[in-house]
C-alpha atoms as a PDB file:
ATOM      1  CA  MET A   1    -104.599-122.921 -24.394  1.00  0.00           C
ATOM      2  CA  GLN A   2    -107.928-124.597 -24.978  1.00  0.00           C
ATOM      3  CA  ALA A   3    -108.699-128.292 -25.281  1.00  0.00           C
ATOM      4  CA  ASP A   4    -109.852-127.854 -28.866  1.00  0.00           C
ATOM      5  CA  ASP A   5    -106.750-125.959 -30.013  1.00  0.00           C
ATOM      6  CA  PHE A   6    -105.216-129.235 -31.211  1.00  0.00           C
ATOM      7  CA  VAL A   7    -106.369-132.522 -32.714  1.00  0.00           C
ATOM      8  CA  HIS A   8    -107.347-135.171 -30.152  1.00  0.00           C
ATOM      9  CA  VAL A   9    -105.790-138.616 -30.572  1.00  0.00           C
ATOM     10  CA  GLU A  10    -107.381-141.213 -28.297  1.00  0.00           C
ATOM     11  CA  VAL A  11    -105.558-144.451 -27.551  1.00  0.00           C
ATOM     12  CA  THR A  12    -106.939-147.477 -25.739  1.00  0.00           C
ATOM     13  CA  SER A  13    -103.827-149.658 -25.702  1.00  0.00           C
ATOM     14  CA  VAL A  14    -100.050-149.420 -25.658  1.00  0.00           C
ATOM     15  CA  LYS A  15    -100.010-151.109 -29.060  1.00  0.00           C
ATOM     16  CA  GLY A  16    -102.391-148.460 -30.397  1.00  0.00           C
ATOM     17  CA  LEU A  17    -100.116-145.668 -29.174  1.00  0.00           C
ATOM     18  CA  TRP A  18     -97.030-147.216 -30.787  1.00  0.00           C
ATOM     19  CA  GLU A  19     -98.962-147.765 -34.030  1.00  0.00           C
ATOM     20  CA  TRP A  20    -100.169-144.139 -34.086  1.00  0.00           C
ATOM     21  CA  LEU A  21     -96.640-142.830 -33.500  1.00  0.00           C
ATOM     22  CA  ASN A  22     -95.223-145.170 -36.139  1.00  0.00           C
ATOM     23  CA  SER A  23     -97.705-143.795 -38.681  1.00  0.00           C
ATOM     24  CA  HIS A  24     -97.633-140.116 -37.654  1.00  0.00           C
ATOM     25  CA  HIS A  25     -94.332-139.275 -35.920  1.00  0.00           C
ATOM     26  CA  ALA A  26     -92.877-137.631 -39.030  1.00  0.00           C
ATOM     27  CA  THR A  27     -96.025-135.900 -40.285  1.00  0.00           C
ATOM     28  CA  SER A  28     -97.887-134.663 -37.200  1.00  0.00           C
ATOM     29  CA  SER A  29     -97.130-131.812 -34.855  1.00  0.00           C
ATOM     30  CA  THR A  30     -98.604-131.095 -31.441  1.00  0.00           C
ATOM     31  CA  VAL A  31    -101.710-133.118 -30.528  1.00  0.00           C
ATOM     32  CA  TRP A  32    -103.713-133.896 -27.423  1.00  0.00           C
ATOM     33  CA  LEU A  33    -103.103-137.529 -26.485  1.00  0.00           C
ATOM     34  CA  VAL A  34    -106.274-138.788 -24.808  1.00  0.00           C
ATOM     35  CA  THR A  35    -105.834-141.738 -22.452  1.00  0.00           C
ATOM     36  CA  TRP A  36    -108.198-143.570 -20.128  1.00  0.00           C
ATOM     37  CA  LYS A  37    -107.796-143.496 -16.362  1.00  0.00           C
ATOM     38  CA  ALA A  38    -106.611-146.575 -14.459  1.00  0.00           C
ATOM     39  CA  LEU A  39    -110.140-147.502 -13.356  1.00  0.00           C
ATOM     40  CA  HIS A  40    -110.665-148.641 -16.965  1.00  0.00           C
ATOM     41  CA  ARG A  41    -107.992-151.355 -16.893  1.00  0.00           C
ATOM     42  CA  GLU A  42    -108.821-152.688 -20.368  1.00  0.00           C
ATOM     43  CA  LYS A  43    -108.134-149.261 -21.954  1.00  0.00           C
ATOM     44  CA  TYR A  44    -105.511-147.872 -19.565  1.00  0.00           C
ATOM     45  CA  VAL A  45    -102.077-146.783 -20.822  1.00  0.00           C
ATOM     46  CA  SER A  46     -99.739-145.696 -18.011  1.00  0.00           C
ATOM     47  CA  ARG A  47     -97.653-142.532 -17.985  1.00  0.00           C
ATOM     48  CA  ASP A  48     -94.469-144.628 -18.190  1.00  0.00           C
ATOM     49  CA  GLN A  49     -95.795-146.493 -21.220  1.00  0.00           C
ATOM     50  CA  VAL A  50     -96.649-143.169 -22.882  1.00  0.00           C
ATOM     51  CA  LEU A  51     -93.180-141.749 -22.155  1.00  0.00           C
ATOM     52  CA  ASP A  52     -91.454-144.841 -23.540  1.00  0.00           C
ATOM     53  CA  ALA A  53     -93.394-144.641 -26.792  1.00  0.00           C
ATOM     54  CA  LEU A  54     -92.898-140.885 -27.158  1.00  0.00           C
ATOM     55  CA  LEU A  55     -89.143-140.996 -26.560  1.00  0.00           C
ATOM     56  CA  SER A  56     -88.760-143.913 -28.938  1.00  0.00           C
ATOM     57  CA  TYR A  57     -90.133-141.783 -31.761  1.00  0.00           C
ATOM     58  CA  GLY A  58     -88.407-138.523 -30.812  1.00  0.00           C
ATOM     59  CA  TRP A  59     -91.467-136.957 -29.203  1.00  0.00           C
ATOM     60  CA  ILE A  60     -91.939-135.311 -25.807  1.00  0.00           C
ATOM     61  CA  ASP A  61     -94.757-135.012 -23.301  1.00  0.00           C
ATOM     62  CA  GLY A  62     -96.183-131.694 -22.180  1.00  0.00           C
ATOM     63  CA  ARG A  63     -99.072-130.299 -20.213  1.00  0.00           C
ATOM     64  CA  ARG A  64    -101.542-132.854 -18.866  1.00  0.00           C
ATOM     65  CA  MET A  65    -105.109-132.247 -17.722  1.00  0.00           C
ATOM     66  CA  LYS A  66    -108.429-133.903 -17.005  1.00  0.00           C
ATOM     67  CA  LEU A  67    -110.686-134.314 -20.026  1.00  0.00           C
ATOM     68  CA  ASP A  68    -113.668-135.858 -18.245  1.00  0.00           C
ATOM     69  CA  HIS A  69    -114.426-138.298 -15.426  1.00  0.00           C
ATOM     70  CA  ASP A  70    -112.846-141.200 -17.308  1.00  0.00           C
ATOM     71  CA  ARG A  71    -110.050-139.695 -19.385  1.00  0.00           C
ATOM     72  CA  THR A  72    -107.068-137.371 -19.273  1.00  0.00           C
ATOM     73  CA  MET A  73    -105.354-135.606 -22.121  1.00  0.00           C
ATOM     74  CA  GLN A  74    -101.772-134.555 -22.547  1.00  0.00           C
ATOM     75  CA  LEU A  75    -100.058-132.395 -25.122  1.00  0.00           C
ATOM     76  CA  ILE A  76     -97.459-134.362 -27.040  1.00  0.00           C
ATOM     77  CA  SER A  77     -95.234-133.131 -29.841  1.00  0.00           C
ATOM     78  CA  PRO A  78     -92.027-133.819 -31.731  1.00  0.00           C
ATOM     79  CA  ARG A  79     -89.109-132.979 -29.485  1.00  0.00           C
ATOM     80  CA  LYS A  80     -87.473-129.639 -30.222  1.00  0.00           C
ATOM     81  CA  THR A  81     -83.906-128.717 -29.356  1.00  0.00           C
ATOM     82  CA  HIS A  82     -84.000-128.565 -25.566  1.00  0.00           C
ATOM     83  CA  THR A  83     -81.817-129.967 -22.842  1.00  0.00           C
ATOM     84  CA  TRP A  84     -82.393-133.537 -21.744  1.00  0.00           C
ATOM     85  CA  THR A  85     -83.030-134.286 -18.081  1.00  0.00           C
ATOM     86  CA  LYS A  86     -81.272-137.161 -16.394  1.00  0.00           C
ATOM     87  CA  THR A  87     -84.510-139.169 -16.181  1.00  0.00           C
ATOM     88  CA  TYR A  88     -85.133-138.820 -19.924  1.00  0.00           C
ATOM     89  CA  ARG A  89     -81.527-139.769 -20.736  1.00  0.00           C
ATOM     90  CA  GLU A  90     -81.825-142.850 -18.517  1.00  0.00           C
ATOM     91  CA  ARG A  91     -85.148-143.788 -20.100  1.00  0.00           C
ATOM     92  CA  ALA A  92     -83.709-143.335 -23.609  1.00  0.00           C
ATOM     93  CA  ASN A  93     -80.682-145.490 -22.760  1.00  0.00           C
ATOM     94  CA  ARG A  94     -82.958-148.234 -21.428  1.00  0.00           C
ATOM     95  CA  LEU A  95     -85.081-148.125 -24.595  1.00  0.00           C
ATOM     96  CA  ILE A  96     -81.937-148.371 -26.728  1.00  0.00           C
ATOM     97  CA  ASP A  97     -80.665-151.319 -24.663  1.00  0.00           C
ATOM     98  CA  GLU A  98     -84.040-153.053 -24.997  1.00  0.00           C
ATOM     99  CA  GLY A  99     -84.094-152.496 -28.771  1.00  0.00           C
ATOM    100  CA  HIS A 100     -87.212-150.303 -28.661  1.00  0.00           C
ATOM    101  CA  MET A 101     -85.704-147.033 -29.912  1.00  0.00           C
ATOM    102  CA  HIS A 102     -86.968-146.078 -33.381  1.00  0.00           C
ATOM    103  CA  THR A 103     -84.620-144.423 -35.885  1.00  0.00           C
ATOM    104  CA  ALA A 104     -86.535-141.143 -35.401  1.00  0.00           C
ATOM    105  CA  GLY A 105     -85.765-141.231 -31.678  1.00  0.00           C
ATOM    106  CA  MET A 106     -82.112-142.046 -32.360  1.00  0.00           C
ATOM    107  CA  ALA A 107     -81.897-139.087 -34.751  1.00  0.00           C
ATOM    108  CA  VAL A 108     -83.216-136.726 -32.057  1.00  0.00           C
ATOM    109  CA  ILE A 109     -80.673-138.077 -29.554  1.00  0.00           C
ATOM    110  CA  LYS A 110     -77.838-137.757 -32.076  1.00  0.00           C
ATOM    111  CA  LYS A 111     -78.827-134.145 -32.790  1.00  0.00           C
ATOM    112  CA  ALA A 112     -78.999-133.334 -29.061  1.00  0.00           C
ATOM    113  CA  LYS A 113     -75.584-134.892 -28.459  1.00  0.00           C
ATOM    114  CA  SER A 114     -73.966-133.049 -31.361  1.00  0.00           C
ATOM    115  CA  SER A 115     -75.411-129.719 -30.180  1.00  0.00           C
ATOM    116  CA  GLY A 116     -74.313-130.335 -26.594  1.00  0.00           C
ATOM    117  CA  LEU A 117     -77.890-130.268 -25.288  1.00  0.00           C
ATOM    118  CA  TYR A 118     -78.016-133.954 -24.360  1.00  0.00           C
ATOM    119  CA  PHE A 119     -75.863-133.408 -21.264  1.00  0.00           C
ATOM    120  CA  ALA A 120     -76.402-129.646 -20.856  1.00  0.00           C
ATOM    121  CA  GLY A 121     -78.862-130.136 -18.003  1.00  0.00           C
ATOM    122  CA  GLN A 122     -76.520-132.297 -15.915  1.00  0.00           C
ATOM    123  CA  ASN A 123     -75.663-129.474 -13.493  1.00  0.00           C
ATOM    124  CA  ILE A 124     -79.357-128.852 -12.945  1.00  0.00           C
ATOM    125  CA  ASP A 125     -80.074-132.549 -12.463  1.00  0.00           C
ATOM    126  CA  ASP A 126     -77.301-132.637  -9.864  1.00  0.00           C
ATOM    127  CA  LEU A 127     -78.735-129.487  -8.204  1.00  0.00           C
ATOM    128  CA  ASN A 128     -75.529-127.513  -8.745  1.00  0.00           C
ATOM    129  CA  VAL A 129     -76.610-123.977  -7.894  1.00  0.00           C
ATOM    130  CA  PRO A 130     -74.746-121.182  -9.723  1.00  0.00           C
ATOM    131  CA  SER A 131     -72.395-119.297  -7.406  1.00  0.00           C
ATOM    132  CA  ASP A 132     -74.062-115.937  -8.066  1.00  0.00           C
ATOM    133  CA  LEU A 133     -77.434-117.359  -7.010  1.00  0.00           C
ATOM    134  CA  ILE A 134     -75.909-118.862  -3.852  1.00  0.00           C
ATOM    135  CA  LYS A 135     -74.401-115.486  -2.958  1.00  0.00           C
ATOM    136  CA  ALA A 136     -77.662-113.633  -3.626  1.00  0.00           C
ATOM    137  CA  LEU A 137     -79.627-116.128  -1.513  1.00  0.00           C
ATOM    138  CA  ARG A 138     -77.117-115.812   1.335  1.00  0.00           C
ATOM    139  CA  ASP A 139     -77.120-112.004   1.152  1.00  0.00           C
ATOM    140  CA  ALA A 140     -80.924-112.006   1.368  1.00  0.00           C
ATOM    141  CA  GLY A 141     -80.974-114.500   4.252  1.00  0.00           C
ATOM    142  CA  ALA A 142     -82.846-116.964   2.046  1.00  0.00           C
ATOM    143  CA  LYS A 143     -80.271-119.738   1.584  1.00  0.00           C
ATOM    144  CA  THR A 144     -81.671-121.901   4.399  1.00  0.00           C
ATOM    145  CA  TRP A 145     -85.191-121.692   2.965  1.00  0.00           C
ATOM    146  CA  TRP A 146     -83.860-122.523  -0.513  1.00  0.00           C
ATOM    147  CA  ASP A 147     -81.904-125.524   0.767  1.00  0.00           C
ATOM    148  CA  GLY A 148     -84.988-126.803   2.605  1.00  0.00           C
ATOM    149  CA  SER A 149     -87.318-126.570  -0.382  1.00  0.00           C
ATOM    150  CA  ALA A 150     -88.152-129.676  -2.400  1.00  0.00           C
ATOM    151  CA  GLN A 151     -85.491-130.894  -4.819  1.00  0.00           C
ATOM    152  CA  SER A 152     -88.030-130.977  -7.646  1.00  0.00           C
ATOM    153  CA  TYR A 153     -88.885-127.315  -7.025  1.00  0.00           C
ATOM    154  CA  ARG A 154     -85.208-126.269  -6.971  1.00  0.00           C
ATOM    155  CA  ARG A 155     -84.513-128.287 -10.116  1.00  0.00           C
ATOM    156  CA  ASN A 156     -87.418-126.646 -11.976  1.00  0.00           C
ATOM    157  CA  VAL A 157     -86.379-123.161 -10.859  1.00  0.00           C
ATOM    158  CA  LEU A 158     -82.748-123.787 -11.834  1.00  0.00           C
ATOM    159  CA  ARG A 159     -83.914-125.008 -15.243  1.00  0.00           C
ATOM    160  CA  TRP A 160     -86.063-121.862 -15.655  1.00  0.00           C
ATOM    161  CA  LEU A 161     -83.073-119.708 -14.704  1.00  0.00           C
ATOM    162  CA  SER A 162     -80.776-121.531 -17.132  1.00  0.00           C
ATOM    163  CA  LEU A 163     -83.188-121.069 -20.037  1.00  0.00           C
ATOM    164  CA  ALA A 164     -82.859-117.275 -19.953  1.00  0.00           C
ATOM    165  CA  LYS A 165     -81.397-116.253 -23.297  1.00  0.00           C
ATOM    166  CA  ARG A 166     -80.337-112.724 -22.342  1.00  0.00           C
ATOM    167  CA  ASP A 167     -78.284-111.617 -19.351  1.00  0.00           C
ATOM    168  CA  ALA A 168     -80.975-109.119 -18.367  1.00  0.00           C
ATOM    169  CA  THR A 169     -83.577-111.885 -18.320  1.00  0.00           C
ATOM    170  CA  ARG A 170     -81.338-114.079 -16.182  1.00  0.00           C
ATOM    171  CA  VAL A 171     -80.737-111.240 -13.707  1.00  0.00           C
ATOM    172  CA  SER A 172     -84.473-110.520 -13.528  1.00  0.00           C
ATOM    173  CA  ARG A 173     -85.277-114.192 -12.909  1.00  0.00           C
ATOM    174  CA  MET A 174     -82.598-114.478 -10.253  1.00  0.00           C
ATOM    175  CA  GLU A 175     -83.935-111.395  -8.463  1.00  0.00           C
ATOM    176  CA  ARG A 176     -87.399-112.927  -8.515  1.00  0.00           C
ATOM    177  CA  ILE A 177     -86.140-116.257  -7.149  1.00  0.00           C
ATOM    178  CA  VAL A 178     -84.278-114.528  -4.315  1.00  0.00           C
ATOM    179  CA  SER A 179     -87.169-112.187  -3.512  1.00  0.00           C
ATOM    180  CA  PHE A 180     -89.651-115.029  -3.127  1.00  0.00           C
ATOM    181  CA  ALA A 181     -87.184-117.227  -1.229  1.00  0.00           C
ATOM    182  CA  ALA A 182     -86.518-114.368   1.210  1.00  0.00           C
ATOM    183  CA  GLU A 183     -90.255-114.388   1.971  1.00  0.00           C
ATOM    184  CA  GLY A 184     -90.246-118.180   2.326  1.00  0.00           C
ATOM    185  CA  LYS A 185     -92.332-118.581  -0.818  1.00  0.00           C
ATOM    186  CA  LYS A 186     -92.018-120.471  -4.068  1.00  0.00           C
ATOM    187  CA  VAL A 187     -91.743-118.547  -7.308  1.00  0.00           C
ATOM    188  CA  PRO A 188     -95.208-118.854  -8.874  1.00  0.00           C
ATOM    189  CA  HIS A 189     -95.394-119.978 -12.492  1.00  0.00           C
ATOM    190  CA  TYR A 190     -91.689-119.873 -13.162  1.00  0.00           C
END
């Protein structure tokens, strides 16, 4: 993916971001959101401020990278039908309570709830490891390494495992997880 694969939308204020989303949330697809780094206080929009605005309009954040010395860029797009993490659910609830949730964001939440995807990631958020993975890790002598790895790593790997659509894919991913854990290594690019 190249920086020029998508339109660049540069914002220099929180208000500017909300205004862009208000005008384009229903008509735009994936774009690079360009924001200024914190050393430019007058133009800086924090990650939390970006996430609040995106969720309010039913959008989601993606890959983030350096654009130049002064700016970063992050892929943003309308949210598709995926599971919601605990942190995003909590953020969405706060935005609703504060009266900042746009009707587009509410529609995305309603759709996720009706499809069961709003709470589908709860087991992952709670780090509930599937019993077959626990057994495979134990059998390979890798359970201790797994338990000692960072929670964020385990959560991401469990999410990757859960997203397998076919049984064969799930088995292959589980074998890969166990193989790397047995060597005391993280699964690269899960």
